[in-house]
Amino acid sequence: MSIEIAALLRNSRRFYKWALDLFLTARLAGHRLTAVICFLTKKDEDRMCEFCSKHGEGKIWYMNASNYAQDLLSDLRRRQYIENFLTVTFSKGFQTLGRLEAVYKKKGRIPKSIASSVVGKAKEEHFGQVLPIEEISAVVSQAMTVVRMPCACRWNMGKKEEQCCYAISYGPEPWYNGIDMSYFGKAPNEGLDASSPGAAIEQMAEMETRGAVHTIWTMMTPFIGAICNCSAEECLAMRTLSRTGVKTLERAEYVARIDESLCTGCGLCDVRCQFRAITSISNGGGPLARINPHKCFGCGLCRRACSTKAISLVLR
């Protein structure tokens, strides 16, 4: 064992980050790594999110190769879910949001039993997590097929067709072939535009420059099948969170951090943040940005907006 690894093992949090960096570097370089062994202390395990604990096998859940297994279509329930996916998840999802907003307006909160029911159903079927562009790249680069398709959230809100969503498949039979594209007024073979993983990553990076937040989504948890690039006002899950406090998507495993020695207090990061996680403070020598780690979703938009490179993303 090298001195570097031995030192890292003495600090499992550092080793976890080292192993993840190694994993991502190897993925992006094209190596077929299927697992990275992360030695976590009990304290680290307690800090893991629910999805990592249940579906991660010791890793961040979306880095677990088994969650991209080729048997997504192997059982009838999953096939039926995919066939009705757009109607059940989005048409009915916006109806549910309307009811939640009415309850919130009347009571000032969503009763725990109602919130638990909504979140529980989402976690079983279609649950998301915010990811920074680096991790989106690692996920997409390993897909066997990628198609760009219209965003169901934006279509539901105003019949606006914007191709900012991607269906990704890791097996020979793409799961998205079963989607009913008549939801968008299209024929079965329309609206799914094939893309290479590299082109898709470039397109998503460009969307980030226009304020898109990247999210990864399960298609019958824990199987991962979709990536969306949307905004807090147009994404169903982010609207549900901001308007009712009901959480149907998780924060990224990362949080933004400010190097105060580089921060000029320009406020561009605050303007770009869609989660109201950034405020301004005075240190006596001028304004400085301050990030609330509990509100930060780790999307990286503030980092991209910062011209002095004062903002970085670090593991929570």
C-alpha atoms as a PDB file:
ATOM      1  CA  MET A   1       0.000   0.000   0.000  1.00  0.00           C
ATOM      2  CA  SER A   2       1.419   3.395  -0.958  1.00  0.00           C
ATOM      3  CA  ILE A   3       2.091   6.079   1.644  1.00  0.00           C
ATOM      4  CA  GLU A   4      -0.532   8.287  -0.075  1.00  0.00           C
ATOM      5  CA  ILE A   5      -3.290   5.665   0.175  1.00  0.00           C
ATOM      6  CA  ALA A   6      -2.346   4.760   3.733  1.00  0.00           C
ATOM      7  CA  ALA A   7      -2.613   8.402   4.735  1.00  0.00           C
ATOM      8  CA  LEU A   8      -5.945   8.720   3.009  1.00  0.00           C
ATOM      9  CA  LEU A   9      -7.261   5.615   4.740  1.00  0.00           C
ATOM     10  CA  ARG A  10      -6.586   7.260   8.086  1.00  0.00           C
ATOM     11  CA  ASN A  11      -9.067   9.928   7.052  1.00  0.00           C
ATOM     12  CA  SER A  12     -11.960   8.084   5.412  1.00  0.00           C
ATOM     13  CA  ARG A  13     -13.638  11.287   4.264  1.00  0.00           C
ATOM     14  CA  ARG A  14     -10.530  12.226   2.275  1.00  0.00           C
ATOM     15  CA  PHE A  15     -10.258   8.686   0.941  1.00  0.00           C
ATOM     16  CA  TYR A  16     -13.891   8.805  -0.178  1.00  0.00           C
ATOM     17  CA  LYS A  17     -13.221  11.952  -2.207  1.00  0.00           C
ATOM     18  CA  TRP A  18      -9.964  10.486  -3.564  1.00  0.00           C
ATOM     19  CA  ALA A  19     -11.748   7.302  -4.661  1.00  0.00           C
ATOM     20  CA  LEU A  20     -14.569   9.262  -6.313  1.00  0.00           C
ATOM     21  CA  ASP A  21     -12.080  11.467  -8.169  1.00  0.00           C
ATOM     22  CA  LEU A  22     -10.255   8.343  -9.345  1.00  0.00           C
ATOM     23  CA  PHE A  23     -13.539   6.804 -10.447  1.00  0.00           C
ATOM     24  CA  LEU A  24     -14.604   9.864 -12.440  1.00  0.00           C
ATOM     25  CA  THR A  25     -11.172  10.286 -14.018  1.00  0.00           C
ATOM     26  CA  ALA A  26     -11.145   6.667 -15.137  1.00  0.00           C
ATOM     27  CA  ARG A  27     -14.704   6.908 -16.441  1.00  0.00           C
ATOM     28  CA  LEU A  28     -13.962   9.990 -18.485  1.00  0.00           C
ATOM     29  CA  ALA A  29     -10.773   8.400 -19.807  1.00  0.00           C
ATOM     30  CA  GLY A  30     -12.824   5.502 -21.122  1.00  0.00           C
ATOM     31  CA  HIS A  31     -11.743   2.806 -18.685  1.00  0.00           C
ATOM     32  CA  ARG A  32     -14.427   0.251 -17.786  1.00  0.00           C
ATOM     33  CA  LEU A  33     -14.279   0.428 -14.027  1.00  0.00           C
ATOM     34  CA  THR A  34     -17.321  -1.180 -12.464  1.00  0.00           C
ATOM     35  CA  ALA A  35     -16.685  -0.385  -8.844  1.00  0.00           C
ATOM     36  CA  VAL A  36     -14.641   1.770  -6.530  1.00  0.00           C
ATOM     37  CA  ILE A  37     -14.176   0.466  -3.001  1.00  0.00           C
ATOM     38  CA  CYS A  38     -14.786   3.209  -0.495  1.00  0.00           C
ATOM     39  CA  PHE A  39     -13.680   2.525   3.072  1.00  0.00           C
ATOM     40  CA  LEU A  40     -16.197   4.414   5.171  1.00  0.00           C
ATOM     41  CA  THR A  41     -16.300   4.702   8.921  1.00  0.00           C
ATOM     42  CA  LYS A  42     -19.613   4.324  10.704  1.00  0.00           C
ATOM     43  CA  LYS A  43     -19.748   8.106  10.998  1.00  0.00           C
ATOM     44  CA  ASP A  44     -19.401   8.449   7.214  1.00  0.00           C
ATOM     45  CA  GLU A  45     -22.133   5.861   6.641  1.00  0.00           C
ATOM     46  CA  ASP A  46     -24.466   7.834   8.872  1.00  0.00           C
ATOM     47  CA  ARG A  47     -23.866  10.900   6.695  1.00  0.00           C
ATOM     48  CA  MET A  48     -24.786   9.083   3.487  1.00  0.00           C
ATOM     49  CA  CYS A  49     -28.102  10.012   1.894  1.00  0.00           C
ATOM     50  CA  GLU A  50     -30.943   7.508   1.916  1.00  0.00           C
ATOM     51  CA  PHE A  51     -30.431   6.554  -1.736  1.00  0.00           C
ATOM     52  CA  CYS A  52     -26.705   5.978  -1.207  1.00  0.00           C
ATOM     53  CA  SER A  53     -27.447   3.773   1.792  1.00  0.00           C
ATOM     54  CA  LYS A  54     -30.094   1.732  -0.044  1.00  0.00           C
ATOM     55  CA  HIS A  55     -28.718   1.644  -3.583  1.00  0.00           C
ATOM     56  CA  GLY A  56     -25.086   2.699  -3.408  1.00  0.00           C
ATOM     57  CA  GLU A  57     -23.339  -0.437  -2.129  1.00  0.00           C
ATOM     58  CA  GLY A  58     -20.785   1.783  -0.387  1.00  0.00           C
ATOM     59  CA  LYS A  59     -20.679   4.429  -3.106  1.00  0.00           C
ATOM     60  CA  ILE A  60     -22.686   7.436  -4.193  1.00  0.00           C
ATOM     61  CA  TRP A  61     -25.797   5.715  -5.531  1.00  0.00           C
ATOM     62  CA  TYR A  62     -25.588   7.007  -9.096  1.00  0.00           C
ATOM     63  CA  MET A  63     -22.029   5.706  -9.365  1.00  0.00           C
ATOM     64  CA  ASN A  64     -23.162   2.147  -8.643  1.00  0.00           C
ATOM     65  CA  ALA A  65     -23.014   0.236 -11.922  1.00  0.00           C
ATOM     66  CA  SER A  66     -25.918  -2.048 -10.965  1.00  0.00           C
ATOM     67  CA  ASN A  67     -28.295   0.933 -11.092  1.00  0.00           C
ATOM     68  CA  TYR A  68     -27.653   1.070 -14.826  1.00  0.00           C
ATOM     69  CA  ALA A  69     -28.423  -2.617 -15.281  1.00  0.00           C
ATOM     70  CA  GLN A  70     -29.782  -3.878 -18.579  1.00  0.00           C
ATOM     71  CA  ASP A  71     -32.864  -5.483 -17.012  1.00  0.00           C
ATOM     72  CA  LEU A  72     -34.828  -2.235 -16.617  1.00  0.00           C
ATOM     73  CA  LEU A  73     -37.483  -3.620 -18.968  1.00  0.00           C
ATOM     74  CA  SER A  74     -37.396  -7.118 -17.553  1.00  0.00           C
ATOM     75  CA  ASP A  75     -40.550  -6.967 -15.511  1.00  0.00           C
ATOM     76  CA  LEU A  76     -44.076  -6.113 -16.586  1.00  0.00           C
ATOM     77  CA  ARG A  77     -44.618  -3.447 -13.941  1.00  0.00           C
ATOM     78  CA  ARG A  78     -41.710  -1.392 -15.215  1.00  0.00           C
ATOM     79  CA  ARG A  79     -42.884  -1.715 -18.807  1.00  0.00           C
ATOM     80  CA  GLN A  80     -46.380  -0.550 -17.886  1.00  0.00           C
ATOM     81  CA  TYR A  81     -44.954   2.344 -15.888  1.00  0.00           C
ATOM     82  CA  ILE A  82     -42.871   3.527 -18.851  1.00  0.00           C
ATOM     83  CA  GLU A  83     -45.830   3.283 -21.240  1.00  0.00           C
ATOM     84  CA  ASN A  84     -47.866   5.613 -18.999  1.00  0.00           C
ATOM     85  CA  PHE A  85     -44.890   7.589 -17.708  1.00  0.00           C
ATOM     86  CA  LEU A  86     -45.624  11.016 -19.184  1.00  0.00           C
ATOM     87  CA  THR A  87     -49.297  11.081 -18.245  1.00  0.00           C
ATOM     88  CA  VAL A  88     -48.902   9.618 -14.755  1.00  0.00           C
ATOM     89  CA  THR A  89     -45.785  11.526 -13.762  1.00  0.00           C
ATOM     90  CA  PHE A  90     -46.355  14.935 -15.327  1.00  0.00           C
ATOM     91  CA  SER A  91     -50.048  15.536 -16.062  1.00  0.00           C
ATOM     92  CA  LYS A  92     -51.063  14.064 -12.721  1.00  0.00           C
ATOM     93  CA  GLY A  93     -47.946  15.483 -11.076  1.00  0.00           C
ATOM     94  CA  PHE A  94     -48.942  19.061 -11.870  1.00  0.00           C
ATOM     95  CA  GLN A  95     -52.455  18.319 -10.609  1.00  0.00           C
ATOM     96  CA  THR A  96     -50.925  17.116  -7.348  1.00  0.00           C
ATOM     97  CA  LEU A  97     -48.810  20.276  -7.147  1.00  0.00           C
ATOM     98  CA  GLY A  98     -51.956  22.379  -7.536  1.00  0.00           C
ATOM     99  CA  ARG A  99     -53.594  20.547  -4.632  1.00  0.00           C
ATOM    100  CA  LEU A 100     -50.473  20.902  -2.503  1.00  0.00           C
ATOM    101  CA  GLU A 101     -50.321  24.638  -3.188  1.00  0.00           C
ATOM    102  CA  ALA A 102     -53.954  24.989  -2.123  1.00  0.00           C
ATOM    103  CA  VAL A 103     -53.249  23.166   1.141  1.00  0.00           C
ATOM    104  CA  TYR A 104     -50.111  25.214   1.739  1.00  0.00           C
ATOM    105  CA  LYS A 105     -51.972  28.472   1.118  1.00  0.00           C
ATOM    106  CA  LYS A 106     -54.681  27.493   3.582  1.00  0.00           C
ATOM    107  CA  LYS A 107     -52.567  25.950   6.340  1.00  0.00           C
ATOM    108  CA  GLY A 108     -49.164  27.568   5.806  1.00  0.00           C
ATOM    109  CA  ARG A 109     -47.586  24.131   5.667  1.00  0.00           C
ATOM    110  CA  ILE A 110     -48.070  20.687   4.183  1.00  0.00           C
ATOM    111  CA  PRO A 111     -49.140  18.073   6.763  1.00  0.00           C
ATOM    112  CA  LYS A 112     -46.427  15.504   7.313  1.00  0.00           C
ATOM    113  CA  SER A 113     -48.669  12.605   6.290  1.00  0.00           C
ATOM    114  CA  ILE A 114     -49.407  14.191   2.905  1.00  0.00           C
ATOM    115  CA  ALA A 115     -45.783  15.131   2.269  1.00  0.00           C
ATOM    116  CA  SER A 116     -44.605  11.633   3.214  1.00  0.00           C
ATOM    117  CA  SER A 117     -47.106  10.064   0.815  1.00  0.00           C
ATOM    118  CA  VAL A 118     -45.997  12.246  -2.121  1.00  0.00           C
ATOM    119  CA  VAL A 119     -42.290  11.780  -1.432  1.00  0.00           C
ATOM    120  CA  GLY A 120     -42.658   8.052  -0.818  1.00  0.00           C
ATOM    121  CA  LYS A 121     -44.348   7.502  -4.166  1.00  0.00           C
ATOM    122  CA  ALA A 122     -41.697   9.573  -5.942  1.00  0.00           C
ATOM    123  CA  LYS A 123     -38.886   7.600  -4.326  1.00  0.00           C
ATOM    124  CA  GLU A 124     -40.404   4.352  -5.540  1.00  0.00           C
ATOM    125  CA  GLU A 125     -40.939   5.477  -9.127  1.00  0.00           C
ATOM    126  CA  HIS A 126     -39.343   8.687 -10.396  1.00  0.00           C
ATOM    127  CA  PHE A 127     -36.979  10.436  -8.018  1.00  0.00           C
ATOM    128  CA  GLY A 128     -34.238  12.908  -8.851  1.00  0.00           C
ATOM    129  CA  GLN A 129     -31.029  14.423  -7.632  1.00  0.00           C
ATOM    130  CA  VAL A 130     -29.150  17.547  -8.648  1.00  0.00           C
ATOM    131  CA  LEU A 131     -25.731  16.828 -10.171  1.00  0.00           C
ATOM    132  CA  PRO A 132     -22.926  19.182 -11.221  1.00  0.00           C
ATOM    133  CA  ILE A 133     -21.788  18.973 -14.825  1.00  0.00           C
ATOM    134  CA  GLU A 134     -18.714  16.850 -14.020  1.00  0.00           C
ATOM    135  CA  GLU A 135     -20.835  14.030 -12.660  1.00  0.00           C
ATOM    136  CA  ILE A 136     -23.386  14.372 -15.437  1.00  0.00           C
ATOM    137  CA  SER A 137     -20.480  13.860 -17.834  1.00  0.00           C
ATOM    138  CA  ALA A 138     -19.386  10.698 -16.031  1.00  0.00           C
ATOM    139  CA  VAL A 139     -22.910   9.258 -16.127  1.00  0.00           C
ATOM    140  CA  VAL A 140     -23.667  10.126 -19.757  1.00  0.00           C
ATOM    141  CA  SER A 141     -20.289   9.057 -21.132  1.00  0.00           C
ATOM    142  CA  GLN A 142     -21.020   5.431 -20.289  1.00  0.00           C
ATOM    143  CA  ALA A 143     -24.470   5.280 -21.915  1.00  0.00           C
ATOM    144  CA  MET A 144     -24.970   2.907 -24.819  1.00  0.00           C
ATOM    145  CA  THR A 145     -27.572   5.188 -26.401  1.00  0.00           C
ATOM    146  CA  VAL A 146     -28.695   8.755 -25.740  1.00  0.00           C
ATOM    147  CA  VAL A 147     -31.705  10.591 -27.148  1.00  0.00           C
ATOM    148  CA  ARG A 148     -32.726  14.194 -26.698  1.00  0.00           C
ATOM    149  CA  MET A 149     -36.421  14.749 -26.149  1.00  0.00           C
ATOM    150  CA  PRO A 150     -38.935  17.486 -25.245  1.00  0.00           C
ATOM    151  CA  CYS A 151     -39.222  18.514 -21.595  1.00  0.00           C
ATOM    152  CA  ALA A 152     -42.529  17.198 -20.235  1.00  0.00           C
ATOM    153  CA  CYS A 153     -42.619  19.872 -17.505  1.00  0.00           C
ATOM    154  CA  ARG A 154     -42.440  22.767 -19.968  1.00  0.00           C
ATOM    155  CA  TRP A 155     -44.851  21.082 -22.331  1.00  0.00           C
ATOM    156  CA  ASN A 156     -47.369  20.593 -19.535  1.00  0.00           C
ATOM    157  CA  MET A 157     -47.109  24.203 -18.399  1.00  0.00           C
ATOM    158  CA  GLY A 158     -47.541  25.925 -21.744  1.00  0.00           C
ATOM    159  CA  LYS A 159     -47.288  23.452 -24.612  1.00  0.00           C
ATOM    160  CA  LYS A 160     -43.765  24.764 -25.118  1.00  0.00           C
ATOM    161  CA  GLU A 161     -41.479  22.263 -26.827  1.00  0.00           C
ATOM    162  CA  GLU A 162     -37.944  22.558 -25.533  1.00  0.00           C
ATOM    163  CA  GLN A 163     -35.568  19.646 -25.945  1.00  0.00           C
ATOM    164  CA  CYS A 164     -33.694  19.902 -22.679  1.00  0.00           C
ATOM    165  CA  CYS A 165     -34.257  16.345 -21.443  1.00  0.00           C
ATOM    166  CA  TYR A 166     -32.227  13.258 -22.303  1.00  0.00           C
ATOM    167  CA  ALA A 167     -33.163   9.609 -22.051  1.00  0.00           C
ATOM    168  CA  ILE A 168     -30.134   7.392 -21.518  1.00  0.00           C
ATOM    169  CA  SER A 169     -29.953   3.642 -21.877  1.00  0.00           C
ATOM    170  CA  TYR A 170     -27.250   1.189 -20.919  1.00  0.00           C
ATOM    171  CA  GLY A 171     -28.649  -1.936 -22.559  1.00  0.00           C
ATOM    172  CA  PRO A 172     -29.404  -3.204 -26.054  1.00  0.00           C
ATOM    173  CA  GLU A 173     -33.130  -2.487 -25.678  1.00  0.00           C
ATOM    174  CA  PRO A 174     -33.603   1.232 -24.928  1.00  0.00           C
ATOM    175  CA  TRP A 175     -36.263   1.723 -22.268  1.00  0.00           C
ATOM    176  CA  TYR A 176     -37.509   4.942 -23.886  1.00  0.00           C
ATOM    177  CA  ASN A 177     -38.841   3.146 -26.966  1.00  0.00           C
ATOM    178  CA  GLY A 178     -41.964   2.462 -24.927  1.00  0.00           C
ATOM    179  CA  ILE A 179     -42.750   6.130 -24.193  1.00  0.00           C
ATOM    180  CA  ASP A 180     -46.033   7.387 -25.621  1.00  0.00           C
ATOM    181  CA  MET A 181     -44.882  10.381 -27.666  1.00  0.00           C
ATOM    182  CA  SER A 182     -48.494  11.306 -28.489  1.00  0.00           C
ATOM    183  CA  TYR A 183     -48.270  13.212 -25.195  1.00  0.00           C
ATOM    184  CA  PHE A 184     -46.361  15.820 -27.222  1.00  0.00           C
ATOM    185  CA  GLY A 185     -48.662  15.459 -30.219  1.00  0.00           C
ATOM    186  CA  LYS A 186     -46.099  13.346 -32.042  1.00  0.00           C
ATOM    187  CA  ALA A 187     -46.050  10.012 -33.827  1.00  0.00           C
ATOM    188  CA  PRO A 188     -44.314   7.093 -32.023  1.00  0.00           C
ATOM    189  CA  ASN A 189     -41.081   7.548 -33.978  1.00  0.00           C
ATOM    190  CA  GLU A 190     -40.925  11.350 -33.617  1.00  0.00           C
ATOM    191  CA  GLY A 191     -39.347  13.575 -30.989  1.00  0.00           C
ATOM    192  CA  LEU A 192     -36.535  11.270 -29.861  1.00  0.00           C
ATOM    193  CA  ASP A 193     -33.397  12.695 -31.465  1.00  0.00           C
ATOM    194  CA  ALA A 194     -30.384  10.407 -31.233  1.00  0.00           C
ATOM    195  CA  SER A 195     -27.193  11.958 -29.906  1.00  0.00           C
ATOM    196  CA  SER A 196     -23.709  10.770 -29.071  1.00  0.00           C
ATOM    197  CA  PRO A 197     -22.756  10.935 -25.384  1.00  0.00           C
ATOM    198  CA  GLY A 198     -20.105  13.559 -26.171  1.00  0.00           C
ATOM    199  CA  ALA A 199     -22.519  15.795 -28.069  1.00  0.00           C
ATOM    200  CA  ALA A 200     -25.116  15.472 -25.308  1.00  0.00           C
ATOM    201  CA  ILE A 201     -22.590  16.510 -22.663  1.00  0.00           C
ATOM    202  CA  GLU A 202     -21.608  19.565 -24.716  1.00  0.00           C
ATOM    203  CA  GLN A 203     -25.255  20.520 -25.167  1.00  0.00           C
ATOM    204  CA  MET A 204     -25.919  20.222 -21.427  1.00  0.00           C
ATOM    205  CA  ALA A 205     -22.864  22.311 -20.589  1.00  0.00           C
ATOM    206  CA  GLU A 206     -24.151  25.003 -22.941  1.00  0.00           C
ATOM    207  CA  MET A 207     -27.574  24.865 -21.253  1.00  0.00           C
ATOM    208  CA  GLU A 208     -25.831  25.506 -17.942  1.00  0.00           C
ATOM    209  CA  THR A 209     -24.531  28.817 -19.298  1.00  0.00           C
ATOM    210  CA  ARG A 210     -28.209  29.789 -19.733  1.00  0.00           C
ATOM    211  CA  GLY A 211     -29.115  28.828 -16.175  1.00  0.00           C
ATOM    212  CA  ALA A 212     -30.106  25.168 -16.450  1.00  0.00           C
ATOM    213  CA  VAL A 213     -29.856  22.951 -13.365  1.00  0.00           C
ATOM    214  CA  HIS A 214     -28.844  19.360 -14.154  1.00  0.00           C
ATOM    215  CA  THR A 215     -30.835  16.584 -12.511  1.00  0.00           C
ATOM    216  CA  ILE A 216     -30.688  12.800 -12.837  1.00  0.00           C
ATOM    217  CA  TRP A 217     -33.857  10.694 -12.563  1.00  0.00           C
ATOM    218  CA  THR A 218     -34.841   7.134 -11.845  1.00  0.00           C
ATOM    219  CA  MET A 219     -37.286   5.166 -13.972  1.00  0.00           C
ATOM    220  CA  MET A 220     -38.651   2.836 -11.307  1.00  0.00           C
ATOM    221  CA  THR A 221     -36.035   3.270  -8.585  1.00  0.00           C
ATOM    222  CA  PRO A 222     -33.149   2.536  -8.522  1.00  0.00           C
ATOM    223  CA  PHE A 223     -32.778   2.227 -12.309  1.00  0.00           C
ATOM    224  CA  ILE A 224     -31.426   5.446 -13.787  1.00  0.00           C
ATOM    225  CA  GLY A 225     -32.743   6.508 -17.158  1.00  0.00           C
ATOM    226  CA  ALA A 226     -33.095  10.259 -17.608  1.00  0.00           C
ATOM    227  CA  ILE A 227     -31.344  13.586 -17.219  1.00  0.00           C
ATOM    228  CA  CYS A 228     -33.173  16.897 -17.221  1.00  0.00           C
ATOM    229  CA  ASN A 229     -31.741  20.388 -17.581  1.00  0.00           C
ATOM    230  CA  CYS A 230     -34.356  22.787 -16.286  1.00  0.00           C
ATOM    231  CA  SER A 231     -35.005  25.725 -13.978  1.00  0.00           C
ATOM    232  CA  ALA A 232     -36.662  26.192 -10.616  1.00  0.00           C
ATOM    233  CA  GLU A 233     -39.721  27.808 -12.169  1.00  0.00           C
ATOM    234  CA  GLU A 234     -40.272  25.215 -14.879  1.00  0.00           C
ATOM    235  CA  CYS A 235     -39.229  21.906 -13.319  1.00  0.00           C
ATOM    236  CA  LEU A 236     -42.107  20.106 -11.576  1.00  0.00           C
ATOM    237  CA  ALA A 237     -39.905  18.843  -8.751  1.00  0.00           C
ATOM    238  CA  MET A 238     -38.205  22.201  -8.139  1.00  0.00           C
ATOM    239  CA  ARG A 239     -41.553  24.028  -8.252  1.00  0.00           C
ATOM    240  CA  THR A 240     -42.959  21.560  -5.746  1.00  0.00           C
ATOM    241  CA  LEU A 241     -39.987  22.200  -3.465  1.00  0.00           C
ATOM    242  CA  SER A 242     -39.967  26.005  -3.730  1.00  0.00           C
ATOM    243  CA  ARG A 243     -43.740  26.431  -3.452  1.00  0.00           C
ATOM    244  CA  THR A 244     -44.677  23.806  -0.876  1.00  0.00           C
ATOM    245  CA  GLY A 245     -41.459  22.547   0.705  1.00  0.00           C
ATOM    246  CA  VAL A 246     -42.157  18.976  -0.412  1.00  0.00           C
ATOM    247  CA  LYS A 247     -38.875  17.421  -1.493  1.00  0.00           C
ATOM    248  CA  THR A 248     -39.098  15.114  -4.514  1.00  0.00           C
ATOM    249  CA  LEU A 249     -35.461  15.557  -5.488  1.00  0.00           C
ATOM    250  CA  GLU A 250     -32.245  15.471  -3.492  1.00  0.00           C
ATOM    251  CA  ARG A 251     -29.447  17.974  -3.235  1.00  0.00           C
ATOM    252  CA  ALA A 252     -26.167  17.140  -4.925  1.00  0.00           C
ATOM    253  CA  GLU A 253     -23.496  15.306  -2.970  1.00  0.00           C
ATOM    254  CA  TYR A 254     -21.557  18.552  -3.309  1.00  0.00           C
ATOM    255  CA  VAL A 255     -21.946  22.003  -1.806  1.00  0.00           C
ATOM    256  CA  ALA A 256     -20.579  25.321  -3.049  1.00  0.00           C
ATOM    257  CA  ARG A 257     -17.768  26.930  -1.078  1.00  0.00           C
ATOM    258  CA  ILE A 258     -16.417  30.483  -1.343  1.00  0.00           C
ATOM    259  CA  ASP A 259     -12.787  31.508  -1.134  1.00  0.00           C
ATOM    260  CA  GLU A 260     -13.204  34.880   0.535  1.00  0.00           C
ATOM    261  CA  SER A 261      -9.754  35.983  -0.593  1.00  0.00           C
ATOM    262  CA  LEU A 262     -10.978  35.836  -4.208  1.00  0.00           C
ATOM    263  CA  CYS A 263     -14.558  37.069  -3.727  1.00  0.00           C
ATOM    264  CA  THR A 264     -15.202  40.632  -4.938  1.00  0.00           C
ATOM    265  CA  GLY A 265     -18.798  40.784  -3.697  1.00  0.00           C
ATOM    266  CA  CYS A 266     -20.137  41.423  -7.199  1.00  0.00           C
ATOM    267  CA  GLY A 267     -23.367  39.516  -6.512  1.00  0.00           C
ATOM    268  CA  LEU A 268     -23.448  37.543  -9.771  1.00  0.00           C
ATOM    269  CA  CYS A 269     -23.565  34.243  -7.882  1.00  0.00           C
ATOM    270  CA  ASP A 270     -26.590  35.418  -5.890  1.00  0.00           C
ATOM    271  CA  VAL A 271     -28.390  36.390  -9.092  1.00  0.00           C
ATOM    272  CA  ARG A 272     -27.711  32.988 -10.680  1.00  0.00           C
ATOM    273  CA  CYS A 273     -28.653  30.855  -7.636  1.00  0.00           C
ATOM    274  CA  GLN A 274     -32.115  29.304  -8.011  1.00  0.00           C
ATOM    275  CA  PHE A 275     -32.319  27.952  -4.464  1.00  0.00           C
ATOM    276  CA  ARG A 276     -31.933  31.222  -2.522  1.00  0.00           C
ATOM    277  CA  ALA A 277     -28.809  29.876  -0.882  1.00  0.00           C
ATOM    278  CA  ILE A 278     -26.576  32.943  -1.287  1.00  0.00           C
ATOM    279  CA  THR A 279     -26.604  36.206   0.637  1.00  0.00           C
ATOM    280  CA  SER A 280     -24.185  39.081   1.018  1.00  0.00           C
ATOM    281  CA  ILE A 281     -22.307  40.024   4.170  1.00  0.00           C
ATOM    282  CA  SER A 282     -19.890  42.811   5.019  1.00  0.00           C
ATOM    283  CA  ASN A 283     -16.466  42.028   6.430  1.00  0.00           C
ATOM    284  CA  GLY A 284     -15.509  45.649   6.931  1.00  0.00           C
ATOM    285  CA  GLY A 285     -13.672  45.865   3.647  1.00  0.00           C
ATOM    286  CA  GLY A 286     -16.675  45.449   1.376  1.00  0.00           C
ATOM    287  CA  PRO A 287     -19.382  42.919   0.584  1.00  0.00           C
ATOM    288  CA  LEU A 288     -18.738  39.197   0.388  1.00  0.00           C
ATOM    289  CA  ALA A 289     -20.950  36.360  -0.778  1.00  0.00           C
ATOM    290  CA  ARG A 290     -22.071  33.872   1.846  1.00  0.00           C
ATOM    291  CA  ILE A 291     -23.486  30.435   0.980  1.00  0.00           C
ATOM    292  CA  ASN A 292     -25.930  28.637   3.247  1.00  0.00           C
ATOM    293  CA  PRO A 293     -24.892  24.955   2.922  1.00  0.00           C
ATOM    294  CA  HIS A 294     -28.322  23.782   4.082  1.00  0.00           C
ATOM    295  CA  LYS A 295     -30.027  25.590   1.203  1.00  0.00           C
ATOM    296  CA  CYS A 296     -27.341  24.960  -1.422  1.00  0.00           C
ATOM    297  CA  PHE A 297     -28.225  22.185  -3.883  1.00  0.00           C
ATOM    298  CA  GLY A 298     -24.722  21.957  -5.350  1.00  0.00           C
ATOM    299  CA  CYS A 299     -25.765  22.608  -8.951  1.00  0.00           C
ATOM    300  CA  GLY A 300     -22.688  24.701  -9.778  1.00  0.00           C
ATOM    301  CA  LEU A 301     -24.477  27.651 -11.405  1.00  0.00           C
ATOM    302  CA  CYS A 302     -22.871  30.091  -8.973  1.00  0.00           C
ATOM    303  CA  ARG A 303     -19.455  28.630  -9.737  1.00  0.00           C
ATOM    304  CA  ARG A 304     -19.944  29.201 -13.462  1.00  0.00           C
ATOM    305  CA  ALA A 305     -21.102  32.788 -12.843  1.00  0.00           C
ATOM    306  CA  CYS A 306     -18.056  33.692 -10.760  1.00  0.00           C
ATOM    307  CA  SER A 307     -15.478  35.526 -12.868  1.00  0.00           C
ATOM    308  CA  THR A 308     -12.769  35.363 -10.191  1.00  0.00           C
ATOM    309  CA  LYS A 309     -13.095  31.593  -9.611  1.00  0.00           C
ATOM    310  CA  ALA A 310     -13.858  32.207  -5.955  1.00  0.00           C
ATOM    311  CA  ILE A 311     -16.432  29.391  -5.850  1.00  0.00           C
ATOM    312  CA  SER A 312     -15.725  25.667  -5.900  1.00  0.00           C
ATOM    313  CA  LEU A 313     -17.780  22.547  -5.234  1.00  0.00           C
ATOM    314  CA  VAL A 314     -16.719  20.242  -2.412  1.00  0.00           C
ATOM    315  CA  LEU A 315     -18.183  17.031  -1.018  1.00  0.00           C
ATOM    316  CA  ARG A 316     -20.705  17.661   1.733  1.00  0.00           C
END
